[in-house]
PDB file of all heavy atoms in Angstrom:
ATOM      1  N   GLY A   1       6.082  -8.120 -20.859  1.00  0.00           N
ATOM      2  CA  GLY A   1       4.849  -7.830 -21.583  1.00  0.00           C
ATOM      3  C   GLY A   1       3.851  -7.098 -20.707  1.00  0.00           C
ATOM      4  O   GLY A   1       3.953  -7.085 -19.484  1.00  0.00           O
ATOM      5  N   TYR A   2       2.878  -6.495 -21.349  1.00  0.00           N
ATOM      6  CA  TYR A   2       1.919  -5.676 -20.626  1.00  0.00           C
ATOM      7  C   TYR A   2       1.043  -6.501 -19.689  1.00  0.00           C
ATOM      8  O   TYR A   2       0.631  -6.020 -18.632  1.00  0.00           O
ATOM      9  CB  TYR A   2       1.068  -4.841 -21.588  1.00  0.00           C
ATOM     10  CG  TYR A   2      -0.036  -5.610 -22.265  1.00  0.00           C
ATOM     11  CD1 TYR A   2      -1.312  -5.629 -21.713  1.00  0.00           C
ATOM     12  CD2 TYR A   2       0.200  -6.324 -23.432  1.00  0.00           C
ATOM     13  CE1 TYR A   2      -2.336  -6.341 -22.321  1.00  0.00           C
ATOM     14  CE2 TYR A   2      -0.813  -7.036 -24.034  1.00  0.00           C
ATOM     15  CZ  TYR A   2      -2.084  -7.036 -23.482  1.00  0.00           C
ATOM     16  OH  TYR A   2      -3.083  -7.751 -24.080  1.00  0.00           O
ATOM     17  N   GLU A   3       0.745  -7.744 -20.044  1.00  0.00           N
ATOM     18  CA  GLU A   3      -0.089  -8.575 -19.177  1.00  0.00           C
ATOM     19  C   GLU A   3       0.601  -8.833 -17.833  1.00  0.00           C
ATOM     20  O   GLU A   3      -0.028  -8.768 -16.782  1.00  0.00           O
ATOM     21  CB  GLU A   3      -0.428  -9.901 -19.851  1.00  0.00           C
ATOM     22  CG  GLU A   3      -1.349  -9.736 -21.039  1.00  0.00           C
ATOM     23  CD  GLU A   3      -1.589 -11.045 -21.797  1.00  0.00           C
ATOM     24  OE1 GLU A   3      -0.976 -12.065 -21.432  1.00  0.00           O
ATOM     25  OE2 GLU A   3      -2.386 -11.022 -22.731  1.00  0.00           O
ATOM     26  N   ALA A   4       1.886  -9.101 -17.874  1.00  0.00           N
ATOM     27  CA  ALA A   4       2.644  -9.345 -16.646  1.00  0.00           C
ATOM     28  C   ALA A   4       2.720  -8.079 -15.799  1.00  0.00           C
ATOM     29  O   ALA A   4       2.590  -8.136 -14.568  1.00  0.00           O
ATOM     30  CB  ALA A   4       4.043  -9.844 -16.981  1.00  0.00           C
ATOM     31  N   ILE A   5       2.907  -6.961 -16.455  1.00  0.00           N
ATOM     32  CA  ILE A   5       2.980  -5.690 -15.737  1.00  0.00           C
ATOM     33  C   ILE A   5       1.635  -5.398 -15.073  1.00  0.00           C
ATOM     34  O   ILE A   5       1.583  -4.979 -13.915  1.00  0.00           O
ATOM     35  CB  ILE A   5       3.433  -4.554 -16.683  1.00  0.00           C
ATOM     36  CG1 ILE A   5       4.896  -4.804 -17.093  1.00  0.00           C
ATOM     37  CG2 ILE A   5       3.283  -3.195 -16.021  1.00  0.00           C
ATOM     38  CD1 ILE A   5       5.418  -3.910 -18.189  1.00  0.00           C
ATOM     39  N   ILE A   6       0.547  -5.666 -15.763  1.00  0.00           N
ATOM     40  CA  ILE A   6      -0.788  -5.468 -15.187  1.00  0.00           C
ATOM     41  C   ILE A   6      -0.989  -6.386 -13.991  1.00  0.00           C
ATOM     42  O   ILE A   6      -1.459  -5.952 -12.935  1.00  0.00           O
ATOM     43  CB  ILE A   6      -1.888  -5.686 -16.253  1.00  0.00           C
ATOM     44  CG1 ILE A   6      -1.854  -4.541 -17.262  1.00  0.00           C
ATOM     45  CG2 ILE A   6      -3.263  -5.797 -15.610  1.00  0.00           C
ATOM     46  CD1 ILE A   6      -2.743  -4.749 -18.461  1.00  0.00           C
ATOM     47  N   VAL A   7      -0.629  -7.667 -14.130  1.00  0.00           N
ATOM     48  CA  VAL A   7      -0.773  -8.623 -13.022  1.00  0.00           C
ATOM     49  C   VAL A   7       0.004  -8.136 -11.800  1.00  0.00           C
ATOM     50  O   VAL A   7      -0.527  -8.108 -10.680  1.00  0.00           O
ATOM     51  CB  VAL A   7      -0.299 -10.042 -13.438  1.00  0.00           C
ATOM     52  CG1 VAL A   7      -0.127 -10.947 -12.222  1.00  0.00           C
ATOM     53  CG2 VAL A   7      -1.256 -10.661 -14.431  1.00  0.00           C
ATOM     54  N   MET A   8       1.246  -7.745 -11.993  1.00  0.00           N
ATOM     55  CA  MET A   8       2.088  -7.346 -10.865  1.00  0.00           C
ATOM     56  C   MET A   8       1.631  -6.025 -10.248  1.00  0.00           C
ATOM     57  O   MET A   8       1.621  -5.887  -9.027  1.00  0.00           O
ATOM     58  CB  MET A   8       3.548  -7.251 -11.308  1.00  0.00           C
ATOM     59  CG  MET A   8       4.164  -8.596 -11.653  1.00  0.00           C
ATOM     60  SD  MET A   8       4.085  -9.798 -10.312  1.00  0.00           S
ATOM     61  CE  MET A   8       5.234  -9.088  -9.155  1.00  0.00           C
ATOM     62  N   LEU A   9       1.242  -5.064 -11.083  1.00  0.00           N
ATOM     63  CA  LEU A   9       0.806  -3.784 -10.532  1.00  0.00           C
ATOM     64  C   LEU A   9      -0.522  -3.905  -9.791  1.00  0.00           C
ATOM     65  O   LEU A   9      -0.674  -3.354  -8.697  1.00  0.00           O
ATOM     66  CB  LEU A   9       0.706  -2.726 -11.631  1.00  0.00           C
ATOM     67  CG  LEU A   9       2.038  -2.180 -12.132  1.00  0.00           C
ATOM     68  CD1 LEU A   9       1.815  -1.175 -13.259  1.00  0.00           C
ATOM     69  CD2 LEU A   9       2.824  -1.539 -11.007  1.00  0.00           C
ATOM     70  N   VAL A  10      -1.475  -4.634 -10.361  1.00  0.00           N
ATOM     71  CA  VAL A  10      -2.762  -4.827  -9.683  1.00  0.00           C
ATOM     72  C   VAL A  10      -2.544  -5.572  -8.370  1.00  0.00           C
ATOM     73  O   VAL A  10      -3.059  -5.182  -7.318  1.00  0.00           O
ATOM     74  CB  VAL A  10      -3.776  -5.557 -10.595  1.00  0.00           C
ATOM     75  CG1 VAL A  10      -4.992  -6.030  -9.807  1.00  0.00           C
ATOM     76  CG2 VAL A  10      -4.201  -4.660 -11.745  1.00  0.00           C
ATOM     77  N   GLY A  11      -1.765  -6.640  -8.404  1.00  0.00           N
ATOM     78  CA  GLY A  11      -1.471  -7.389  -7.187  1.00  0.00           C
ATOM     79  C   GLY A  11      -0.730  -6.543  -6.162  1.00  0.00           C
ATOM     80  O   GLY A  11      -1.021  -6.600  -4.967  1.00  0.00           O
ATOM     81  N   GLY A  12       0.220  -5.739  -6.626  1.00  0.00           N
ATOM     82  CA  GLY A  12       0.981  -4.869  -5.726  1.00  0.00           C
ATOM     83  C   GLY A  12       0.105  -3.813  -5.065  1.00  0.00           C
ATOM     84  O   GLY A  12       0.241  -3.538  -3.871  1.00  0.00           O
ATOM     85  N   VAL A  13      -0.797  -3.223  -5.840  1.00  0.00           N
ATOM     86  CA  VAL A  13      -1.707  -2.218  -5.280  1.00  0.00           C
ATOM     87  C   VAL A  13      -2.635  -2.857  -4.244  1.00  0.00           C
ATOM     88  O   VAL A  13      -2.851  -2.306  -3.163  1.00  0.00           O
ATOM     89  CB  VAL A  13      -2.505  -1.514  -6.403  1.00  0.00           C
ATOM     90  CG1 VAL A  13      -3.663  -0.708  -5.840  1.00  0.00           C
ATOM     91  CG2 VAL A  13      -1.583  -0.625  -7.228  1.00  0.00           C
ATOM     92  N   LEU A  14      -3.164  -4.035  -4.565  1.00  0.00           N
ATOM     93  CA  LEU A  14      -4.038  -4.731  -3.609  1.00  0.00           C
ATOM     94  C   LEU A  14      -3.285  -5.093  -2.324  1.00  0.00           C
ATOM     95  O   LEU A  14      -3.836  -4.996  -1.232  1.00  0.00           O
ATOM     96  CB  LEU A  14      -4.628  -5.990  -4.243  1.00  0.00           C
ATOM     97  CG  LEU A  14      -5.646  -5.761  -5.353  1.00  0.00           C
ATOM     98  CD1 LEU A  14      -6.035  -7.094  -6.008  1.00  0.00           C
ATOM     99  CD2 LEU A  14      -6.873  -5.041  -4.834  1.00  0.00           C
ATOM    100  N   LEU A  15      -2.041  -5.503  -2.469  1.00  0.00           N
ATOM    101  CA  LEU A  15      -1.221  -5.839  -1.305  1.00  0.00           C
ATOM    102  C   LEU A  15      -0.886  -4.591  -0.493  1.00  0.00           C
ATOM    103  O   LEU A  15      -0.907  -4.612   0.735  1.00  0.00           O
ATOM    104  CB  LEU A  15       0.067  -6.537  -1.759  1.00  0.00           C
ATOM    105  CG  LEU A  15       1.052  -6.963  -0.688  1.00  0.00           C
ATOM    106  CD1 LEU A  15       0.426  -8.007   0.223  1.00  0.00           C
ATOM    107  CD2 LEU A  15       2.325  -7.505  -1.336  1.00  0.00           C
ATOM    108  N   ALA A  16      -0.608  -3.484  -1.165  1.00  0.00           N
ATOM    109  CA  ALA A  16      -0.134  -2.272  -0.500  1.00  0.00           C
ATOM    110  C   ALA A  16      -1.234  -1.477   0.203  1.00  0.00           C
ATOM    111  O   ALA A  16      -0.957  -0.807   1.207  1.00  0.00           O
ATOM    112  CB  ALA A  16       0.562  -1.368  -1.517  1.00  0.00           C
ATOM    113  N   MET A  17      -2.462  -1.526  -0.296  1.00  0.00           N
ATOM    114  CA  MET A  17      -3.517  -0.651   0.238  1.00  0.00           C
ATOM    115  C   MET A  17      -3.738  -0.771   1.756  1.00  0.00           C
ATOM    116  O   MET A  17      -3.740   0.250   2.443  1.00  0.00           O
ATOM    117  CB  MET A  17      -4.832  -0.859  -0.515  1.00  0.00           C
ATOM    118  CG  MET A  17      -4.822  -0.255  -1.910  1.00  0.00           C
ATOM    119  SD  MET A  17      -4.293   1.469  -1.972  1.00  0.00           S
ATOM    120  CE  MET A  17      -5.624   2.267  -1.113  1.00  0.00           C
ATOM    121  N   PRO A  18      -3.942  -1.963   2.305  1.00  0.00           N
ATOM    122  CA  PRO A  18      -4.173  -2.001   3.762  1.00  0.00           C
ATOM    123  C   PRO A  18      -2.972  -1.504   4.565  1.00  0.00           C
ATOM    124  O   PRO A  18      -3.135  -0.825   5.586  1.00  0.00           O
ATOM    125  CB  PRO A  18      -4.466  -3.476   4.057  1.00  0.00           C
ATOM    126  CG  PRO A  18      -4.142  -4.231   2.831  1.00  0.00           C
ATOM    127  CD  PRO A  18      -4.052  -3.279   1.698  1.00  0.00           C
ATOM    128  N   PHE A  19      -1.764  -1.801   4.105  1.00  0.00           N
ATOM    129  CA  PHE A  19      -0.559  -1.339   4.800  1.00  0.00           C
ATOM    130  C   PHE A  19      -0.407   0.179   4.688  1.00  0.00           C
ATOM    131  O   PHE A  19       0.056   0.838   5.620  1.00  0.00           O
ATOM    132  CB  PHE A  19       0.685  -2.038   4.246  1.00  0.00           C
ATOM    133  CG  PHE A  19       0.717  -3.504   4.534  1.00  0.00           C
ATOM    134  CD1 PHE A  19       0.415  -4.423   3.537  1.00  0.00           C
ATOM    135  CD2 PHE A  19       1.038  -3.978   5.802  1.00  0.00           C
ATOM    136  CE1 PHE A  19       0.430  -5.781   3.804  1.00  0.00           C
ATOM    137  CE2 PHE A  19       1.065  -5.331   6.073  1.00  0.00           C
ATOM    138  CZ  PHE A  19       0.755  -6.237   5.067  1.00  0.00           C
ATOM    139  N   THR A  20      -0.801   0.730   3.553  1.00  0.00           N
ATOM    140  CA  THR A  20      -0.722   2.172   3.335  1.00  0.00           C
ATOM    141  C   THR A  20      -1.657   2.913   4.288  1.00  0.00           C
ATOM    142  O   THR A  20      -1.258   3.874   4.943  1.00  0.00           O
ATOM    143  CB  THR A  20      -1.084   2.504   1.874  1.00  0.00           C
ATOM    144  OG1 THR A  20      -0.171   1.815   1.013  1.00  0.00           O
ATOM    145  CG2 THR A  20      -1.013   3.994   1.612  1.00  0.00           C
ATOM    146  N   ILE A  21      -2.892   2.460   4.354  1.00  0.00           N
ATOM    147  CA  ILE A  21      -3.879   3.102   5.224  1.00  0.00           C
ATOM    148  C   ILE A  21      -3.447   2.988   6.689  1.00  0.00           C
ATOM    149  O   ILE A  21      -3.458   3.976   7.430  1.00  0.00           O
ATOM    150  CB  ILE A  21      -5.279   2.489   4.996  1.00  0.00           C
ATOM    151  CG1 ILE A  21      -5.753   2.830   3.573  1.00  0.00           C
ATOM    152  CG2 ILE A  21      -6.274   2.971   6.043  1.00  0.00           C
ATOM    153  CD1 ILE A  21      -6.942   2.020   3.097  1.00  0.00           C
ATOM    154  N   ALA A  22      -3.039   1.790   7.087  1.00  0.00           N
ATOM    155  CA  ALA A  22      -2.600   1.588   8.473  1.00  0.00           C
ATOM    156  C   ALA A  22      -1.368   2.435   8.789  1.00  0.00           C
ATOM    157  O   ALA A  22      -1.264   3.003   9.887  1.00  0.00           O
ATOM    158  CB  ALA A  22      -2.308   0.113   8.725  1.00  0.00           C
ATOM    159  N   SER A  23      -0.447   2.546   7.844  1.00  0.00           N
ATOM    160  CA  SER A  23       0.780   3.298   8.111  1.00  0.00           C
ATOM    161  C   SER A  23       0.510   4.788   8.281  1.00  0.00           C
ATOM    162  O   SER A  23       1.183   5.455   9.070  1.00  0.00           O
ATOM    163  CB  SER A  23       1.823   3.063   7.017  1.00  0.00           C
ATOM    164  OG  SER A  23       1.405   3.618   5.798  1.00  0.00           O
ATOM    165  N   TYR A  24      -0.475   5.328   7.549  1.00  0.00           N
ATOM    166  CA  TYR A  24      -0.810   6.749   7.733  1.00  0.00           C
ATOM    167  C   TYR A  24      -1.241   6.996   9.176  1.00  0.00           C
ATOM    168  O   TYR A  24      -0.723   7.886   9.851  1.00  0.00           O
ATOM    169  CB  TYR A  24      -1.913   7.199   6.771  1.00  0.00           C
ATOM    170  CG  TYR A  24      -2.373   8.601   7.105  1.00  0.00           C
ATOM    171  CD1 TYR A  24      -1.656   9.709   6.658  1.00  0.00           C
ATOM    172  CD2 TYR A  24      -3.473   8.827   7.921  1.00  0.00           C
ATOM    173  CE1 TYR A  24      -2.032  10.992   7.006  1.00  0.00           C
ATOM    174  CE2 TYR A  24      -3.858  10.109   8.274  1.00  0.00           C
ATOM    175  CZ  TYR A  24      -3.140  11.187   7.816  1.00  0.00           C
ATOM    176  OH  TYR A  24      -3.504  12.458   8.167  1.00  0.00           O
ATOM    177  N   TYR A  25      -2.201   6.205   9.644  1.00  0.00           N
ATOM    178  CA  TYR A  25      -2.721   6.411  10.998  1.00  0.00           C
ATOM    179  C   TYR A  25      -1.677   6.105  12.064  1.00  0.00           C
ATOM    180  O   TYR A  25      -1.551   6.825  13.052  1.00  0.00           O
ATOM    181  CB  TYR A  25      -3.999   5.596  11.210  1.00  0.00           C
ATOM    182  CG  TYR A  25      -5.140   6.153  10.410  1.00  0.00           C
ATOM    183  CD1 TYR A  25      -5.598   5.505   9.278  1.00  0.00           C
ATOM    184  CD2 TYR A  25      -5.734   7.362  10.762  1.00  0.00           C
ATOM    185  CE1 TYR A  25      -6.637   6.033   8.527  1.00  0.00           C
ATOM    186  CE2 TYR A  25      -6.771   7.898  10.020  1.00  0.00           C
ATOM    187  CZ  TYR A  25      -7.222   7.234   8.898  1.00  0.00           C
ATOM    188  OH  TYR A  25      -8.225   7.775   8.153  1.00  0.00           O
ATOM    189  N   LEU A  26      -0.920   5.050  11.866  1.00  0.00           N
ATOM    190  CA  LEU A  26       0.124   4.699  12.821  1.00  0.00           C
ATOM    191  C   LEU A  26       1.196   5.785  12.893  1.00  0.00           C
ATOM    192  O   LEU A  26       1.625   6.176  13.995  1.00  0.00           O
ATOM    193  CB  LEU A  26       0.746   3.350  12.453  1.00  0.00           C
ATOM    194  CG  LEU A  26       1.792   2.805  13.400  1.00  0.00           C
ATOM    195  CD1 LEU A  26       1.170   2.544  14.772  1.00  0.00           C
ATOM    196  CD2 LEU A  26       2.383   1.517  12.845  1.00  0.00           C
ATOM    197  N   ALA A  27       1.619   6.284  11.735  1.00  0.00           N
ATOM    198  CA  ALA A  27       2.628   7.350  11.716  1.00  0.00           C
ATOM    199  C   ALA A  27       2.089   8.612  12.377  1.00  0.00           C
ATOM    200  O   ALA A  27       2.785   9.253  13.179  1.00  0.00           O
ATOM    201  CB  ALA A  27       3.058   7.643  10.273  1.00  0.00           C
ATOM    202  N   ASN A  28       0.857   8.971  12.078  1.00  0.00           N
ATOM    203  CA  ASN A  28       0.274  10.187  12.635  1.00  0.00           C
ATOM    204  C   ASN A  28       0.192  10.097  14.160  1.00  0.00           C
ATOM    205  O   ASN A  28       0.615  11.009  14.872  1.00  0.00           O
ATOM    206  CB  ASN A  28      -1.111  10.435  12.031  1.00  0.00           C
ATOM    207  CG  ASN A  28      -1.531  11.878  12.166  1.00  0.00           C
ATOM    208  OD1 ASN A  28      -1.378  12.481  13.219  1.00  0.00           O
ATOM    209  ND2 ASN A  28      -2.067  12.434  11.102  1.00  0.00           N
ATOM    210  N   ILE A  29      -0.329   9.004  14.671  1.00  0.00           N
ATOM    211  CA  ILE A  29      -0.440   8.816  16.121  1.00  0.00           C
ATOM    212  C   ILE A  29       0.934   8.833  16.773  1.00  0.00           C
ATOM    213  O   ILE A  29       1.151   9.483  17.802  1.00  0.00           O
ATOM    214  CB  ILE A  29      -1.190   7.498  16.430  1.00  0.00           C
ATOM    215  CG1 ILE A  29      -2.661   7.637  16.047  1.00  0.00           C
ATOM    216  CG2 ILE A  29      -1.036   7.098  17.884  1.00  0.00           C
ATOM    217  CD1 ILE A  29      -3.412   6.311  16.000  1.00  0.00           C
ATOM    218  N   THR A  30       1.881   8.130  16.169  1.00  0.00           N
ATOM    219  CA  THR A  30       3.225   8.030  16.743  1.00  0.00           C
ATOM    220  C   THR A  30       3.939   9.381  16.742  1.00  0.00           C
ATOM    221  O   THR A  30       4.573   9.749  17.742  1.00  0.00           O
ATOM    222  CB  THR A  30       4.054   6.986  15.972  1.00  0.00           C
ATOM    223  OG1 THR A  30       3.331   5.759  15.935  1.00  0.00           O
ATOM    224  CG2 THR A  30       5.402   6.764  16.607  1.00  0.00           C
ATOM    225  N   ILE A  31       3.836  10.124  15.655  1.00  0.00           N
ATOM    226  CA  ILE A  31       4.495  11.433  15.568  1.00  0.00           C
ATOM    227  C   ILE A  31       3.897  12.402  16.578  1.00  0.00           C
ATOM    228  O   ILE A  31       4.629  13.113  17.283  1.00  0.00           O
ATOM    229  CB  ILE A  31       4.406  11.994  14.124  1.00  0.00           C
ATOM    230  CG1 ILE A  31       5.294  11.167  13.192  1.00  0.00           C
ATOM    231  CG2 ILE A  31       4.798  13.471  14.078  1.00  0.00           C
ATOM    232  CD1 ILE A  31       5.059  11.416  11.714  1.00  0.00           C
ATOM    233  N   VAL A  32       2.574  12.444  16.673  1.00  0.00           N
ATOM    234  CA  VAL A  32       1.920  13.345  17.621  1.00  0.00           C
ATOM    235  C   VAL A  32       2.315  12.995  19.062  1.00  0.00           C
ATOM    236  O   VAL A  32       2.657  13.882  19.853  1.00  0.00           O
ATOM    237  CB  VAL A  32       0.382  13.333  17.425  1.00  0.00           C
ATOM    238  CG1 VAL A  32      -0.328  14.043  18.566  1.00  0.00           C
ATOM    239  CG2 VAL A  32       0.019  13.967  16.087  1.00  0.00           C
ATOM    240  N   LYS A  33       2.302  11.707  19.409  1.00  0.00           N
ATOM    241  CA  LYS A  33       2.689  11.292  20.767  1.00  0.00           C
ATOM    242  C   LYS A  33       4.152  11.630  21.054  1.00  0.00           C
ATOM    243  O   LYS A  33       4.492  12.094  22.138  1.00  0.00           O
ATOM    244  CB  LYS A  33       2.462   9.789  20.951  1.00  0.00           C
ATOM    245  CG  LYS A  33       1.045   9.422  21.237  1.00  0.00           C
ATOM    246  CD  LYS A  33       0.943   7.929  21.524  1.00  0.00           C
ATOM    247  CE  LYS A  33      -0.485   7.539  21.829  1.00  0.00           C
ATOM    248  NZ  LYS A  33      -0.613   6.104  22.108  1.00  0.00           N
TER     249      LYS A  33
END
């Protein structure tokens, strides 16, 4: 149902955001080095 999909997607986005931001900077620094 749509309620479950909303719960999982909202929760997934909230979980993913800090890791996404950190991974961009970590990847950039690591690749350049």
